[in-house]
Amino acid sequence: MKLYIDSTDNQKTIIRLNDREYSRSVESPRDQDVLGFLLSCLEKENIKPEDIDSIDVNPGPGSFTGTRVGVTIANTLGFALDIDVNGSSSPVDPIYASSPSITSKIS
């Protein structure tokens, strides 16, 4: 079973299970629940995580948090299930639309 995850838009998540596509839109990025949505899609299709044999994820560019969450879920499932993500055994790196706005600690 093929799994595809796209959470690069922080107000919309797309999950594909083989040829079936599910999408969920939310009003606020804080309401984006990628893992919860993925689990509900798997449940609707009566699919167990162990049934997944291929994972593809959109690495971006996209929103910082949305992209990071989707890539992290894909990499974690790939590691736990011992399958490649985007055709590689190495973790996928997210591609952000802009640099993160992180400040360093003031000394």
PDB file of N, CA and C in Angstrom:
ATOM      1  N   MET A   1       0.837  -1.161   0.000  1.00  0.00           N
ATOM      2  CA  MET A   1       0.000   0.000   0.000  1.00  0.00           C
ATOM      3  C   MET A   1       0.891   1.237   0.000  1.00  0.00           C
ATOM      4  N   LYS A   2       0.590   2.175  -0.880  1.00  0.00           N
ATOM      5  CA  LYS A   2       1.351   3.416  -0.997  1.00  0.00           C
ATOM      6  C   LYS A   2       0.707   4.517  -0.161  1.00  0.00           C
ATOM      7  N   LEU A   3       1.549   5.238   0.562  1.00  0.00           N
ATOM      8  CA  LEU A   3       1.105   6.373   1.360  1.00  0.00           C
ATOM      9  C   LEU A   3       1.788   7.629   0.840  1.00  0.00           C
ATOM     10  N   TYR A   4       0.999   8.690   0.655  1.00  0.00           N
ATOM     11  CA  TYR A   4       1.525   9.995   0.271  1.00  0.00           C
ATOM     12  C   TYR A   4       1.001  11.015   1.272  1.00  0.00           C
ATOM     13  N   ILE A   5       1.903  11.895   1.743  1.00  0.00           N
ATOM     14  CA  ILE A   5       1.543  12.937   2.705  1.00  0.00           C
ATOM     15  C   ILE A   5       1.986  14.291   2.152  1.00  0.00           C
ATOM     16  N   ASP A   6       1.075  15.262   2.183  1.00  0.00           N
ATOM     17  CA  ASP A   6       1.421  16.642   1.822  1.00  0.00           C
ATOM     18  C   ASP A   6       0.783  17.572   2.846  1.00  0.00           C
ATOM     19  N   SER A   7       1.624  18.167   3.681  1.00  0.00           N
ATOM     20  CA  SER A   7       1.141  19.119   4.684  1.00  0.00           C
ATOM     21  C   SER A   7       1.880  20.444   4.556  1.00  0.00           C
ATOM     22  N   THR A   8       2.387  20.722   3.351  1.00  0.00           N
ATOM     23  CA  THR A   8       3.167  21.945   3.140  1.00  0.00           C
ATOM     24  C   THR A   8       2.325  23.208   3.257  1.00  0.00           C
ATOM     25  N   ASP A   9       1.034  23.102   2.992  1.00  0.00           N
ATOM     26  CA  ASP A   9       0.108  24.215   3.203  1.00  0.00           C
ATOM     27  C   ASP A   9      -0.426  24.039   4.617  1.00  0.00           C
ATOM     28  N   ASN A  10      -0.119  24.963   5.507  1.00  0.00           N
ATOM     29  CA  ASN A  10      -0.468  24.763   6.911  1.00  0.00           C
ATOM     30  C   ASN A  10      -1.963  24.857   7.216  1.00  0.00           C
ATOM     31  N   GLN A  11      -2.775  24.993   6.177  1.00  0.00           N
ATOM     32  CA  GLN A  11      -4.218  24.976   6.380  1.00  0.00           C
ATOM     33  C   GLN A  11      -4.892  23.878   5.563  1.00  0.00           C
ATOM     34  N   LYS A  12      -4.083  22.990   4.960  1.00  0.00           N
ATOM     35  CA  LYS A  12      -4.648  21.891   4.188  1.00  0.00           C
ATOM     36  C   LYS A  12      -3.687  20.703   4.235  1.00  0.00           C
ATOM     37  N   THR A  13      -4.247  19.540   4.467  1.00  0.00           N
ATOM     38  CA  THR A  13      -3.466  18.305   4.465  1.00  0.00           C
ATOM     39  C   THR A  13      -4.039  17.381   3.405  1.00  0.00           C
ATOM     40  N   ILE A  14      -3.160  16.772   2.634  1.00  0.00           N
ATOM     41  CA  ILE A  14      -3.558  15.798   1.625  1.00  0.00           C
ATOM     42  C   ILE A  14      -2.912  14.466   1.973  1.00  0.00           C
ATOM     43  N   ILE A  15      -3.730  13.427   2.024  1.00  0.00           N
ATOM     44  CA  ILE A  15      -3.270  12.061   2.264  1.00  0.00           C
ATOM     45  C   ILE A  15      -3.759  11.218   1.094  1.00  0.00           C
ATOM     46  N   ARG A  16      -2.859  10.432   0.501  1.00  0.00           N
ATOM     47  CA  ARG A  16      -3.245   9.472  -0.528  1.00  0.00           C
ATOM     48  C   ARG A  16      -2.893   8.077  -0.045  1.00  0.00           C
ATOM     49  N   LEU A  17      -3.855   7.191  -0.143  1.00  0.00           N
ATOM     50  CA  LEU A  17      -3.656   5.781   0.150  1.00  0.00           C
ATOM     51  C   LEU A  17      -3.931   5.032  -1.147  1.00  0.00           C
ATOM     52  N   ASN A  18      -2.856   4.553  -1.779  1.00  0.00           N
ATOM     53  CA  ASN A  18      -2.938   4.032  -3.143  1.00  0.00           C
ATOM     54  C   ASN A  18      -3.558   5.109  -4.033  1.00  0.00           C
ATOM     55  N   ASP A  19      -4.718   4.865  -4.603  1.00  0.00           N
ATOM     56  CA  ASP A  19      -5.329   5.830  -5.522  1.00  0.00           C
ATOM     57  C   ASP A  19      -6.424   6.671  -4.876  1.00  0.00           C
ATOM     58  N   ARG A  20      -6.691   6.456  -3.600  1.00  0.00           N
ATOM     59  CA  ARG A  20      -7.727   7.232  -2.904  1.00  0.00           C
ATOM     60  C   ARG A  20      -7.100   8.447  -2.249  1.00  0.00           C
ATOM     61  N   GLU A  21      -7.676   9.613  -2.512  1.00  0.00           N
ATOM     62  CA  GLU A  21      -7.133  10.851  -1.952  1.00  0.00           C
ATOM     63  C   GLU A  21      -8.113  11.448  -0.955  1.00  0.00           C
ATOM     64  N   TYR A  22      -7.563  11.883   0.163  1.00  0.00           N
ATOM     65  CA  TYR A  22      -8.316  12.561   1.205  1.00  0.00           C
ATOM     66  C   TYR A  22      -7.669  13.919   1.434  1.00  0.00           C
ATOM     67  N   SER A  23      -8.484  14.931   1.652  1.00  0.00           N
ATOM     68  CA  SER A  23      -7.928  16.235   1.993  1.00  0.00           C
ATOM     69  C   SER A  23      -8.763  16.839   3.119  1.00  0.00           C
ATOM     70  N   ARG A  24      -8.071  17.605   3.924  1.00  0.00           N
ATOM     71  CA  ARG A  24      -8.730  18.270   5.047  1.00  0.00           C
ATOM     72  C   ARG A  24      -8.218  19.689   5.108  1.00  0.00           C
ATOM     73  N   SER A  25      -9.139  20.640   5.098  1.00  0.00           N
ATOM     74  CA  SER A  25      -8.788  22.053   5.227  1.00  0.00           C
ATOM     75  C   SER A  25      -9.243  22.554   6.585  1.00  0.00           C
ATOM     76  N   VAL A  26      -8.449  23.452   7.157  1.00  0.00           N
ATOM     77  CA  VAL A  26      -8.770  24.045   8.456  1.00  0.00           C
ATOM     78  C   VAL A  26      -8.639  25.558   8.354  1.00  0.00           C
ATOM     79  N   GLU A  27      -9.314  26.264   9.233  1.00  0.00           N
ATOM     80  CA  GLU A  27      -9.276  27.728   9.197  1.00  0.00           C
ATOM     81  C   GLU A  27      -7.990  28.293   9.775  1.00  0.00           C
ATOM     82  N   SER A  28      -7.433  27.611  10.762  1.00  0.00           N
ATOM     83  CA  SER A  28      -6.230  28.104  11.434  1.00  0.00           C
ATOM     84  C   SER A  28      -5.136  27.038  11.376  1.00  0.00           C
ATOM     85  N   PRO A  29      -3.885  27.432  11.151  1.00  0.00           N
ATOM     86  CA  PRO A  29      -2.795  26.456  11.172  1.00  0.00           C
ATOM     87  C   PRO A  29      -2.725  25.669  12.476  1.00  0.00           C
ATOM     88  N   ARG A  30      -3.203  26.243  13.544  1.00  0.00           N
ATOM     89  CA  ARG A  30      -3.190  25.541  14.836  1.00  0.00           C
ATOM     90  C   ARG A  30      -4.130  24.347  14.851  1.00  0.00           C
ATOM     91  N   ASP A  31      -5.060  24.303  13.918  1.00  0.00           N
ATOM     92  CA  ASP A  31      -6.009  23.191  13.849  1.00  0.00           C
ATOM     93  C   ASP A  31      -5.528  22.067  12.940  1.00  0.00           C
ATOM     94  N   GLN A  32      -4.390  22.241  12.289  1.00  0.00           N
ATOM     95  CA  GLN A  32      -3.883  21.208  11.389  1.00  0.00           C
ATOM     96  C   GLN A  32      -3.368  20.035  12.227  1.00  0.00           C
ATOM     97  N   ASP A  33      -4.007  18.885  12.092  1.00  0.00           N
ATOM     98  CA  ASP A  33      -3.643  17.676  12.836  1.00  0.00           C
ATOM     99  C   ASP A  33      -3.312  16.596  11.814  1.00  0.00           C
ATOM    100  N   VAL A  34      -2.095  16.617  11.324  1.00  0.00           N
ATOM    101  CA  VAL A  34      -1.686  15.721  10.239  1.00  0.00           C
ATOM    102  C   VAL A  34      -1.750  14.266  10.682  1.00  0.00           C
ATOM    103  N   LEU A  35      -1.180  13.949  11.831  1.00  0.00           N
ATOM    104  CA  LEU A  35      -1.160  12.561  12.292  1.00  0.00           C
ATOM    105  C   LEU A  35      -2.567  12.053  12.584  1.00  0.00           C
ATOM    106  N   GLY A  36      -3.372  12.858  13.258  1.00  0.00           N
ATOM    107  CA  GLY A  36      -4.753  12.451  13.530  1.00  0.00           C
ATOM    108  C   GLY A  36      -5.539  12.207  12.249  1.00  0.00           C
ATOM    109  N   PHE A  37      -5.344  13.089  11.258  1.00  0.00           N
ATOM    110  CA  PHE A  37      -6.027  12.926   9.975  1.00  0.00           C
ATOM    111  C   PHE A  37      -5.540  11.664   9.263  1.00  0.00           C
ATOM    112  N   LEU A  38      -4.231  11.420   9.285  1.00  0.00           N
ATOM    113  CA  LEU A  38      -3.684  10.207   8.673  1.00  0.00           C
ATOM    114  C   LEU A  38      -4.275   8.959   9.321  1.00  0.00           C
ATOM    115  N   LEU A  39      -4.312   8.933  10.642  1.00  0.00           N
ATOM    116  CA  LEU A  39      -4.856   7.770  11.337  1.00  0.00           C
ATOM    117  C   LEU A  39      -6.333   7.545  11.013  1.00  0.00           C
ATOM    118  N   SER A  40      -7.098   8.636  10.878  1.00  0.00           N
ATOM    119  CA  SER A  40      -8.519   8.479  10.532  1.00  0.00           C
ATOM    120  C   SER A  40      -8.682   7.973   9.106  1.00  0.00           C
ATOM    121  N   CYS A  41      -7.798   8.384   8.197  1.00  0.00           N
ATOM    122  CA  CYS A  41      -7.850   7.878   6.815  1.00  0.00           C
ATOM    123  C   CYS A  41      -7.518   6.393   6.774  1.00  0.00           C
ATOM    124  N   LEU A  42      -6.500   5.988   7.524  1.00  0.00           N
ATOM    125  CA  LEU A  42      -6.136   4.567   7.586  1.00  0.00           C
ATOM    126  C   LEU A  42      -7.294   3.748   8.146  1.00  0.00           C
ATOM    127  N   GLU A  43      -7.938   4.283   9.172  1.00  0.00           N
ATOM    128  CA  GLU A  43      -9.070   3.582   9.782  1.00  0.00           C
ATOM    129  C   GLU A  43     -10.237   3.447   8.797  1.00  0.00           C
ATOM    130  N   LYS A  44     -10.538   4.523   8.050  1.00  0.00           N
ATOM    131  CA  LYS A  44     -11.623   4.465   7.056  1.00  0.00           C
ATOM    132  C   LYS A  44     -11.388   3.375   6.026  1.00  0.00           C
ATOM    133  N   GLU A  45     -10.129   3.195   5.646  1.00  0.00           N
ATOM    134  CA  GLU A  45      -9.782   2.198   4.630  1.00  0.00           C
ATOM    135  C   GLU A  45      -9.463   0.827   5.234  1.00  0.00           C
ATOM    136  N   ASN A  46      -9.572   0.734   6.567  1.00  0.00           N
ATOM    137  CA  ASN A  46      -9.262  -0.508   7.273  1.00  0.00           C
ATOM    138  C   ASN A  46      -7.827  -0.974   6.982  1.00  0.00           C
ATOM    139  N   ILE A  47      -6.902  -0.013   7.045  1.00  0.00           N
ATOM    140  CA  ILE A  47      -5.487  -0.273   6.768  1.00  0.00           C
ATOM    141  C   ILE A  47      -4.704  -0.096   8.057  1.00  0.00           C
ATOM    142  N   LYS A  48      -3.807  -1.037   8.327  1.00  0.00           N
ATOM    143  CA  LYS A  48      -2.913  -0.940   9.475  1.00  0.00           C
ATOM    144  C   LYS A  48      -1.599  -0.333   9.006  1.00  0.00           C
ATOM    145  N   PRO A  49      -0.894   0.373   9.878  1.00  0.00           N
ATOM    146  CA  PRO A  49       0.397   0.935   9.469  1.00  0.00           C
ATOM    147  C   PRO A  49       1.335  -0.116   8.868  1.00  0.00           C
ATOM    148  N   GLU A  50       1.278  -1.340   9.357  1.00  0.00           N
ATOM    149  CA  GLU A  50       2.125  -2.418   8.838  1.00  0.00           C
ATOM    150  C   GLU A  50       1.826  -2.752   7.376  1.00  0.00           C
ATOM    151  N   ASP A  51       0.660  -2.343   6.883  1.00  0.00           N
ATOM    152  CA  ASP A  51       0.289  -2.602   5.484  1.00  0.00           C
ATOM    153  C   ASP A  51       0.973  -1.635   4.517  1.00  0.00           C
ATOM    154  N   ILE A  52       1.563  -0.566   5.041  1.00  0.00           N
ATOM    155  CA  ILE A  52       2.216   0.442   4.204  1.00  0.00           C
ATOM    156  C   ILE A  52       3.556  -0.112   3.728  1.00  0.00           C
ATOM    157  N   ASP A  53       3.788  -0.070   2.412  1.00  0.00           N
ATOM    158  CA  ASP A  53       5.066  -0.549   1.879  1.00  0.00           C
ATOM    159  C   ASP A  53       5.817   0.523   1.089  1.00  0.00           C
ATOM    160  N   SER A  54       5.210   1.696   0.956  1.00  0.00           N
ATOM    161  CA  SER A  54       5.841   2.789   0.224  1.00  0.00           C
ATOM    162  C   SER A  54       5.345   4.113   0.795  1.00  0.00           C
ATOM    163  N   ILE A  55       6.289   5.025   1.067  1.00  0.00           N
ATOM    164  CA  ILE A  55       5.918   6.338   1.606  1.00  0.00           C
ATOM    165  C   ILE A  55       6.546   7.426   0.746  1.00  0.00           C
ATOM    166  N   ASP A  56       5.718   8.364   0.322  1.00  0.00           N
ATOM    167  CA  ASP A  56       6.188   9.572  -0.351  1.00  0.00           C
ATOM    168  C   ASP A  56       5.646  10.757   0.428  1.00  0.00           C
ATOM    169  N   VAL A  57       6.476  11.785   0.542  1.00  0.00           N
ATOM    170  CA  VAL A  57       6.073  12.996   1.243  1.00  0.00           C
ATOM    171  C   VAL A  57       6.515  14.184   0.408  1.00  0.00           C
ATOM    172  N   ASN A  58       5.699  15.226   0.401  1.00  0.00           N
ATOM    173  CA  ASN A  58       6.093  16.471  -0.257  1.00  0.00           C
ATOM    174  C   ASN A  58       7.014  17.194   0.722  1.00  0.00           C
ATOM    175  N   PRO A  59       8.316  17.328   0.393  1.00  0.00           N
ATOM    176  CA  PRO A  59       9.250  17.960   1.325  1.00  0.00           C
ATOM    177  C   PRO A  59       9.215  19.484   1.294  1.00  0.00           C
ATOM    178  N   GLY A  60       8.430  20.050   0.393  1.00  0.00           N
ATOM    179  CA  GLY A  60       8.325  21.512   0.327  1.00  0.00           C
ATOM    180  C   GLY A  60       8.704  22.021  -1.036  1.00  0.00           C
ATOM    181  N   PRO A  61       8.822  23.319  -1.158  1.00  0.00           N
ATOM    182  CA  PRO A  61       8.745  24.298  -0.077  1.00  0.00           C
ATOM    183  C   PRO A  61       7.316  24.481   0.412  1.00  0.00           C
ATOM    184  N   GLY A  62       7.245  24.999   1.621  1.00  0.00           N
ATOM    185  CA  GLY A  62       5.951  25.234   2.227  1.00  0.00           C
ATOM    186  C   GLY A  62       6.108  25.896   3.568  1.00  0.00           C
ATOM    187  N   SER A  63       5.034  25.923   4.320  1.00  0.00           N
ATOM    188  CA  SER A  63       5.080  26.557   5.641  1.00  0.00           C
ATOM    189  C   SER A  63       6.063  25.804   6.531  1.00  0.00           C
ATOM    190  N   PHE A  64       6.689  26.523   7.445  1.00  0.00           N
ATOM    191  CA  PHE A  64       7.705  25.920   8.310  1.00  0.00           C
ATOM    192  C   PHE A  64       7.131  24.751   9.112  1.00  0.00           C
ATOM    193  N   THR A  65       6.081  25.000   9.870  1.00  0.00           N
ATOM    194  CA  THR A  65       5.548  23.960  10.747  1.00  0.00           C
ATOM    195  C   THR A  65       4.854  22.853   9.960  1.00  0.00           C
ATOM    196  N   GLY A  66       4.022  23.213   8.998  1.00  0.00           N
ATOM    197  CA  GLY A  66       3.320  22.198   8.219  1.00  0.00           C
ATOM    198  C   GLY A  66       4.276  21.256   7.505  1.00  0.00           C
ATOM    199  N   THR A  67       5.306  21.816   6.873  1.00  0.00           N
ATOM    200  CA  THR A  67       6.292  21.009   6.164  1.00  0.00           C
ATOM    201  C   THR A  67       7.049  20.116   7.144  1.00  0.00           C
ATOM    202  N   ARG A  68       7.483  20.701   8.233  1.00  0.00           N
ATOM    203  CA  ARG A  68       8.253  19.949   9.235  1.00  0.00           C
ATOM    204  C   ARG A  68       7.446  18.782   9.790  1.00  0.00           C
ATOM    205  N   VAL A  69       6.173  18.993  10.085  1.00  0.00           N
ATOM    206  CA  VAL A  69       5.332  17.946  10.663  1.00  0.00           C
ATOM    207  C   VAL A  69       5.148  16.790   9.673  1.00  0.00           C
ATOM    208  N   GLY A  70       4.806  17.096   8.433  1.00  0.00           N
ATOM    209  CA  GLY A  70       4.594  16.042   7.437  1.00  0.00           C
ATOM    210  C   GLY A  70       5.843  15.224   7.175  1.00  0.00           C
ATOM    211  N   VAL A  71       6.984  15.898   7.049  1.00  0.00           N
ATOM    212  CA  VAL A  71       8.247  15.206   6.804  1.00  0.00           C
ATOM    213  C   VAL A  71       8.629  14.358   8.014  1.00  0.00           C
ATOM    214  N   THR A  72       8.411  14.876   9.209  1.00  0.00           N
ATOM    215  CA  THR A  72       8.729  14.117  10.422  1.00  0.00           C
ATOM    216  C   THR A  72       7.878  12.863  10.529  1.00  0.00           C
ATOM    217  N   ILE A  73       6.589  12.968  10.247  1.00  0.00           N
ATOM    218  CA  ILE A  73       5.709  11.796  10.288  1.00  0.00           C
ATOM    219  C   ILE A  73       6.163  10.759   9.268  1.00  0.00           C
ATOM    220  N   ALA A  74       6.468  11.197   8.049  1.00  0.00           N
ATOM    221  CA  ALA A  74       6.915  10.268   7.013  1.00  0.00           C
ATOM    222  C   ALA A  74       8.223   9.586   7.415  1.00  0.00           C
ATOM    223  N   ASN A  75       9.190  10.359   7.902  1.00  0.00           N
ATOM    224  CA  ASN A  75      10.472   9.783   8.316  1.00  0.00           C
ATOM    225  C   ASN A  75      10.307   8.817   9.487  1.00  0.00           C
ATOM    226  N   THR A  76       9.450   9.148  10.429  1.00  0.00           N
ATOM    227  CA  THR A  76       9.233   8.282  11.591  1.00  0.00           C
ATOM    228  C   THR A  76       8.571   6.976  11.176  1.00  0.00           C
ATOM    229  N   LEU A  77       7.554   7.063  10.324  1.00  0.00           N
ATOM    230  CA  LEU A  77       6.917   5.832   9.830  1.00  0.00           C
ATOM    231  C   LEU A  77       7.908   4.995   9.028  1.00  0.00           C
ATOM    232  N   GLY A  78       8.697   5.647   8.194  1.00  0.00           N
ATOM    233  CA  GLY A  78       9.694   4.927   7.410  1.00  0.00           C
ATOM    234  C   GLY A  78      10.676   4.187   8.308  1.00  0.00           C
ATOM    235  N   PHE A  79      11.137   4.860   9.358  1.00  0.00           N
ATOM    236  CA  PHE A  79      12.061   4.236  10.305  1.00  0.00           C
ATOM    237  C   PHE A  79      11.392   3.071  11.031  1.00  0.00           C
ATOM    238  N   ALA A  80      10.191   3.311  11.557  1.00  0.00           N
ATOM    239  CA  ALA A  80       9.490   2.295  12.351  1.00  0.00           C
ATOM    240  C   ALA A  80       9.105   1.073  11.520  1.00  0.00           C
ATOM    241  N   LEU A  81       8.745   1.306  10.253  1.00  0.00           N
ATOM    242  CA  LEU A  81       8.301   0.211   9.381  1.00  0.00           C
ATOM    243  C   LEU A  81       9.429  -0.347   8.519  1.00  0.00           C
ATOM    244  N   ASP A  82      10.619   0.263   8.632  1.00  0.00           N
ATOM    245  CA  ASP A  82      11.798  -0.142   7.866  1.00  0.00           C
ATOM    246  C   ASP A  82      11.538  -0.098   6.358  1.00  0.00           C
ATOM    247  N   ILE A  83      10.981   1.038   5.906  1.00  0.00           N
ATOM    248  CA  ILE A  83      10.767   1.247   4.472  1.00  0.00           C
ATOM    249  C   ILE A  83      11.312   2.614   4.074  1.00  0.00           C
ATOM    250  N   ASP A  84      11.656   2.753   2.805  1.00  0.00           N
ATOM    251  CA  ASP A  84      12.206   4.005   2.295  1.00  0.00           C
ATOM    252  C   ASP A  84      11.134   5.095   2.238  1.00  0.00           C
ATOM    253  N   VAL A  85      11.591   6.329   2.370  1.00  0.00           N
ATOM    254  CA  VAL A  85      10.724   7.492   2.187  1.00  0.00           C
ATOM    255  C   VAL A  85      11.256   8.248   0.977  1.00  0.00           C
ATOM    256  N   ASN A  86      10.387   8.528   0.032  1.00  0.00           N
ATOM    257  CA  ASN A  86      10.768   9.169  -1.233  1.00  0.00           C
ATOM    258  C   ASN A  86      11.892   8.390  -1.925  1.00  0.00           C
ATOM    259  N   GLY A  87      11.845   7.058  -1.787  1.00  0.00           N
ATOM    260  CA  GLY A  87      12.797   6.199  -2.474  1.00  0.00           C
ATOM    261  C   GLY A  87      14.177   6.138  -1.866  1.00  0.00           C
ATOM    262  N   SER A  88      14.356   6.656  -0.655  1.00  0.00           N
ATOM    263  CA  SER A  88      15.678   6.680  -0.032  1.00  0.00           C
ATOM    264  C   SER A  88      15.600   6.156   1.394  1.00  0.00           C
ATOM    265  N   SER A  89      16.645   5.450   1.806  1.00  0.00           N
ATOM    266  CA  SER A  89      16.696   4.971   3.187  1.00  0.00           C
ATOM    267  C   SER A  89      17.162   6.071   4.143  1.00  0.00           C
ATOM    268  N   SER A  90      17.696   7.160   3.608  1.00  0.00           N
ATOM    269  CA  SER A  90      18.092   8.307   4.433  1.00  0.00           C
ATOM    270  C   SER A  90      16.869   9.175   4.720  1.00  0.00           C
ATOM    271  N   PRO A  91      16.834   9.820   5.887  1.00  0.00           N
ATOM    272  CA  PRO A  91      15.698  10.701   6.186  1.00  0.00           C
ATOM    273  C   PRO A  91      15.568  11.823   5.145  1.00  0.00           C
ATOM    274  N   VAL A  92      14.338  12.203   4.866  1.00  0.00           N
ATOM    275  CA  VAL A  92      14.044  13.302   3.951  1.00  0.00           C
ATOM    276  C   VAL A  92      14.223  14.612   4.707  1.00  0.00           C
ATOM    277  N   ASP A  93      14.863  15.576   4.088  1.00  0.00           N
ATOM    278  CA  ASP A  93      15.008  16.903   4.685  1.00  0.00           C
ATOM    279  C   ASP A  93      13.892  17.809   4.175  1.00  0.00           C
ATOM    280  N   PRO A  94      13.264  18.587   5.062  1.00  0.00           N
ATOM    281  CA  PRO A  94      12.236  19.522   4.614  1.00  0.00           C
ATOM    282  C   PRO A  94      12.851  20.683   3.843  1.00  0.00           C
ATOM    283  N   ILE A  95      12.075  21.217   2.912  1.00  0.00           N
ATOM    284  CA  ILE A  95      12.475  22.399   2.143  1.00  0.00           C
ATOM    285  C   ILE A  95      11.499  23.505   2.542  1.00  0.00           C
ATOM    286  N   TYR A  96      12.010  24.507   3.214  1.00  0.00           N
ATOM    287  CA  TYR A  96      11.144  25.572   3.707  1.00  0.00           C
ATOM    288  C   TYR A  96      11.028  26.698   2.688  1.00  0.00           C
ATOM    289  N   ALA A  97       9.891  27.395   2.712  1.00  0.00           N
ATOM    290  CA  ALA A  97       9.660  28.506   1.791  1.00  0.00           C
ATOM    291  C   ALA A  97      10.539  29.707   2.147  1.00  0.00           C
ATOM    292  N   SER A  98      10.922  29.801   3.415  1.00  0.00           N
ATOM    293  CA  SER A  98      11.821  30.868   3.855  1.00  0.00           C
ATOM    294  C   SER A  98      12.579  30.369   5.068  1.00  0.00           C
ATOM    295  N   SER A  99      13.609  31.076   5.446  1.00  0.00           N
ATOM    296  CA  SER A  99      14.395  30.684   6.614  1.00  0.00           C
ATOM    297  C   SER A  99      13.544  30.801   7.866  1.00  0.00           C
ATOM    298  N   PRO A 100      13.748  29.885   8.826  1.00  0.00           N
ATOM    299  CA  PRO A 100      12.987  29.991  10.080  1.00  0.00           C
ATOM    300  C   PRO A 100      13.388  31.246  10.838  1.00  0.00           C
ATOM    301  N   SER A 101      12.444  31.823  11.513  1.00  0.00           N
ATOM    302  CA  SER A 101      12.690  33.034  12.287  1.00  0.00           C
ATOM    303  C   SER A 101      13.026  32.637  13.713  1.00  0.00           C
ATOM    304  N   ILE A 102      14.247  32.174  13.902  1.00  0.00           N
ATOM    305  CA  ILE A 102      14.685  31.715  15.209  1.00  0.00           C
ATOM    306  C   ILE A 102      15.812  32.636  15.678  1.00  0.00           C
ATOM    307  N   THR A 103      15.705  33.121  16.886  1.00  0.00           N
ATOM    308  CA  THR A 103      16.729  34.015  17.414  1.00  0.00           C
ATOM    309  C   THR A 103      17.651  33.245  18.347  1.00  0.00           C
ATOM    310  N   SER A 104      18.872  33.726  18.484  1.00  0.00           N
ATOM    311  CA  SER A 104      19.813  33.075  19.386  1.00  0.00           C
ATOM    312  C   SER A 104      19.666  33.655  20.791  1.00  0.00           C
ATOM    313  N   LYS A 105      20.133  32.898  21.751  1.00  0.00           N
ATOM    314  CA  LYS A 105      20.054  33.301  23.146  1.00  0.00           C
ATOM    315  C   LYS A 105      20.937  34.535  23.370  1.00  0.00           C
ATOM    316  N   ILE A 106      20.404  35.494  24.090  1.00  0.00           N
ATOM    317  CA  ILE A 106      21.158  36.710  24.397  1.00  0.00           C
ATOM    318  C   ILE A 106      22.085  36.425  25.552  1.00  0.00           C
ATOM    319  N   SER A 107      23.343  36.774  25.394  1.00  0.00           N
ATOM    320  CA  SER A 107      24.343  36.520  26.454  1.00  0.00           C
ATOM    321  C   SER A 107      24.361  37.618  27.479  1.00  0.00           C
TER     322      SER A 107
END
